[in-house]
């Protein structure tokens, strides 16, 4: 529908506009070949183990990040092998679960950096806060159910701010 110029809606409500845009871009590159399309999606989703490893690195849990990345790779390989037997989400299917996982990992990495900056310097860089908002907003555009992450992120920011600044933070707000 998007490639034909009919837009996102095509007569119905769109609940995953960013994911539809992502698939349209992949279709534009790969054409209509499903194998090429899923291969391109797998290349993008290969960022998942890297983001898990980075999250472990930033949290100073290097072995945890490495084990998490290896676990995700093993889970993906197992899921692809089990697809003919049971229904399971994997990167060979055009589903929004794994792109949403990528968005959540991006949000987690940015949030940990944001909280670390608040704890170390007493203030966060604007770019980090903006990236956190962008990650949360893009996650909502991939899957609308991810809206529940926004209050959690605000709550986490308030907790870290209170621990760092005490009541001064809340009076200034």
Protein backbone atom coordinates (compact mmCIF):
# COMPACT_ATOMS: atom_id res chain seq x y z
CA UNK A 1 0.00 0.00 0.00
CA UNK A 2 2.78 2.45 0.88
CA UNK A 3 4.88 1.55 -2.15
CA UNK A 4 1.85 1.98 -4.45
CA UNK A 5 1.25 5.47 -3.09
CA UNK A 6 -1.93 4.65 -1.15
CA UNK A 7 -0.38 5.62 2.18
CA UNK A 8 -0.29 3.87 5.53
CA UNK A 9 -4.00 3.64 6.20
CA UNK A 10 -5.38 2.02 3.03
CA UNK A 11 -8.87 2.21 4.52
CA UNK A 12 -8.08 0.92 8.02
CA UNK A 13 -6.57 2.03 11.32
CA UNK A 14 -2.79 1.74 11.55
CA UNK A 15 -1.41 0.60 14.90
CA UNK A 16 2.23 0.06 13.82
CA UNK A 17 3.14 2.92 11.44
CA UNK A 18 6.90 2.83 12.06
CA UNK A 19 7.05 -0.93 11.52
CA UNK A 20 5.06 -0.57 8.30
CA UNK A 21 7.50 2.13 7.16
CA UNK A 22 10.43 -0.17 8.06
CA UNK A 23 8.95 -3.03 6.02
CA UNK A 24 8.21 -0.68 3.13
CA UNK A 25 11.82 0.47 3.09
CA UNK A 26 12.99 -3.15 3.08
CA UNK A 27 10.55 -3.96 0.24
CA UNK A 28 11.87 -0.97 -1.67
CA UNK A 29 15.40 -2.39 -1.40
CA UNK A 30 14.61 -6.12 -1.78
CA UNK A 31 11.63 -5.96 -4.12
CA UNK A 32 8.99 -8.62 -3.65
CA UNK A 33 11.38 -11.47 -2.90
CA UNK A 34 10.48 -12.73 0.60
CA UNK A 35 13.88 -14.36 1.17
CA UNK A 36 15.74 -11.12 0.39
CA UNK A 37 13.30 -9.18 2.56
CA UNK A 38 13.78 -11.40 5.58
CA UNK A 39 17.55 -11.42 5.06
CA UNK A 40 17.58 -7.62 5.19
CA UNK A 41 15.43 -7.71 8.33
CA UNK A 42 17.86 -10.18 9.92
CA UNK A 43 20.75 -7.82 9.19
CA UNK A 44 18.97 -4.98 11.02
CA UNK A 45 17.93 -7.25 13.90
CA UNK A 46 21.56 -8.37 14.31
CA UNK A 47 21.89 -5.19 16.40
CA UNK A 48 19.99 -6.93 19.24
CA UNK A 49 22.96 -8.96 20.59
CA UNK A 50 25.21 -5.92 20.22
CA UNK A 51 22.83 -3.74 22.26
CA UNK A 52 22.52 -6.43 24.94
CA UNK A 53 26.31 -6.65 25.18
CA UNK A 54 26.57 -2.85 25.34
CA UNK A 55 23.96 -2.75 28.10
CA UNK A 56 25.99 -5.25 30.12
CA UNK A 57 29.14 -3.23 29.46
CA UNK A 58 27.57 0.05 30.63
CA UNK A 59 26.19 -1.66 33.75
CA UNK A 60 29.69 -3.02 34.43
CA UNK A 61 28.41 -6.59 34.01
CA UNK A 62 30.61 -7.55 31.08
CA UNK A 63 30.08 -11.29 31.48
CA UNK A 64 26.35 -10.73 31.84
CA UNK A 65 26.27 -8.72 28.63
CA UNK A 66 28.28 -11.38 26.81
CA UNK A 67 26.10 -14.21 28.14
CA UNK A 68 22.93 -12.27 27.26
CA UNK A 69 24.16 -11.69 23.71
CA UNK A 70 25.07 -15.37 23.29
CA UNK A 71 21.69 -16.38 24.75
CA UNK A 72 19.81 -14.16 22.28
CA UNK A 73 21.78 -15.60 19.36
CA UNK A 74 21.06 -19.15 20.56
CA UNK A 75 17.37 -18.30 21.06
CA UNK A 76 17.14 -16.95 17.53
CA UNK A 77 18.81 -20.01 16.00
CA UNK A 78 16.54 -22.31 17.99
CA UNK A 79 13.43 -20.31 17.07
CA UNK A 80 14.24 -20.51 13.36
CA UNK A 81 14.77 -24.28 13.62
CA UNK A 82 11.51 -24.77 15.56
CA UNK A 83 9.31 -22.65 13.28
CA UNK A 84 8.03 -25.62 11.22
CA UNK A 85 6.99 -27.37 14.46
CA UNK A 86 5.57 -24.58 16.64
CA UNK A 87 4.63 -20.94 16.14
CA UNK A 88 7.41 -18.78 17.50
CA UNK A 89 8.55 -15.28 16.62
CA UNK A 90 11.87 -15.08 14.82
CA UNK A 91 13.65 -12.75 12.44
CA UNK A 92 12.65 -14.81 9.37
CA UNK A 93 9.03 -13.77 9.95
CA UNK A 94 7.66 -10.29 9.34
CA UNK A 95 6.38 -9.66 12.87
CA UNK A 96 6.87 -6.63 15.09
CA UNK A 97 8.08 -8.44 18.24
CA UNK A 98 11.78 -8.42 17.46
CA UNK A 99 11.88 -4.85 16.08
CA UNK A 100 10.12 -3.85 19.32
CA UNK A 101 12.78 -5.73 21.28
CA UNK A 102 15.37 -3.67 19.38
CA UNK A 103 13.54 -0.46 20.37
CA UNK A 104 13.32 -1.53 24.04
CA UNK A 105 17.04 -2.33 24.11
CA UNK A 106 17.82 1.06 22.58
CA UNK A 107 15.61 2.71 25.21
CA UNK A 108 17.29 0.69 27.98
CA UNK A 109 20.77 1.68 26.78
CA UNK A 110 19.84 5.35 26.58
CA UNK A 111 18.07 5.23 29.97
CA UNK A 112 21.06 3.66 31.69
CA UNK A 113 23.33 6.30 30.16
CA UNK A 114 20.92 9.02 31.28
CA UNK A 115 20.76 7.71 34.84
CA UNK A 116 24.54 7.30 34.94
CA UNK A 117 25.01 10.91 33.88
CA UNK A 118 22.59 12.06 36.57
CA UNK A 119 24.42 10.06 39.18
CA UNK A 120 27.97 10.98 38.09
CA UNK A 121 27.67 14.63 37.05
CA UNK A 122 24.40 15.67 38.64
CA UNK A 123 22.97 16.59 35.24
CA UNK A 124 22.20 14.75 32.05
CA UNK A 125 23.20 15.88 28.59
CA UNK A 126 20.27 17.10 26.54
CA UNK A 127 21.13 14.72 23.72
CA UNK A 128 20.73 11.73 26.04
CA UNK A 129 17.34 12.89 27.29
CA UNK A 130 16.19 13.61 23.72
CA UNK A 131 17.39 10.18 22.56
CA UNK A 132 15.43 8.59 25.40
CA UNK A 133 12.26 10.39 24.29
CA UNK A 134 12.88 9.48 20.66
CA UNK A 135 13.40 5.81 21.58
CA UNK A 136 10.19 5.75 23.63
CA UNK A 137 8.22 7.50 20.87
CA UNK A 138 9.57 5.21 18.16
CA UNK A 139 8.73 2.20 20.31
CA UNK A 140 5.14 3.40 20.57
CA UNK A 141 5.04 3.70 16.76
CA UNK A 142 6.31 0.12 16.40
CA UNK A 143 3.85 -1.36 18.92
CA UNK A 144 1.27 0.79 20.66
CA UNK A 145 1.33 -1.45 23.75
CA UNK A 146 4.79 -0.12 24.56
CA UNK A 147 3.17 3.06 25.90
CA UNK A 148 3.45 1.43 29.34
CA UNK A 149 7.21 2.06 29.16
CA UNK A 150 6.81 5.84 29.26
CA UNK A 151 5.49 6.09 32.85
CA UNK A 152 8.12 3.56 33.93
CA UNK A 153 10.85 5.71 32.41
CA UNK A 154 9.52 8.85 34.10
CA UNK A 155 9.25 6.99 37.43
CA UNK A 156 12.81 5.72 37.11
CA UNK A 157 14.05 9.25 36.37
CA UNK A 158 12.25 10.59 39.43
CA UNK A 159 13.68 7.87 41.67
CA UNK A 160 17.24 8.49 40.51
CA UNK A 161 16.72 12.26 40.75
CA UNK A 162 15.44 11.94 44.29
CA UNK A 163 18.35 9.72 45.32
CA UNK A 164 20.80 12.19 43.85
CA UNK A 165 19.26 15.52 44.84
CA UNK A 166 16.69 14.74 47.54
CA UNK A 167 13.80 17.14 47.99
CA UNK A 168 15.65 19.97 46.22
CA UNK A 169 14.79 18.34 42.89
CA UNK A 170 11.09 18.15 43.62
CA UNK A 171 10.92 21.72 44.92
CA UNK A 172 12.63 22.99 41.76
CA UNK A 173 10.22 20.98 39.58
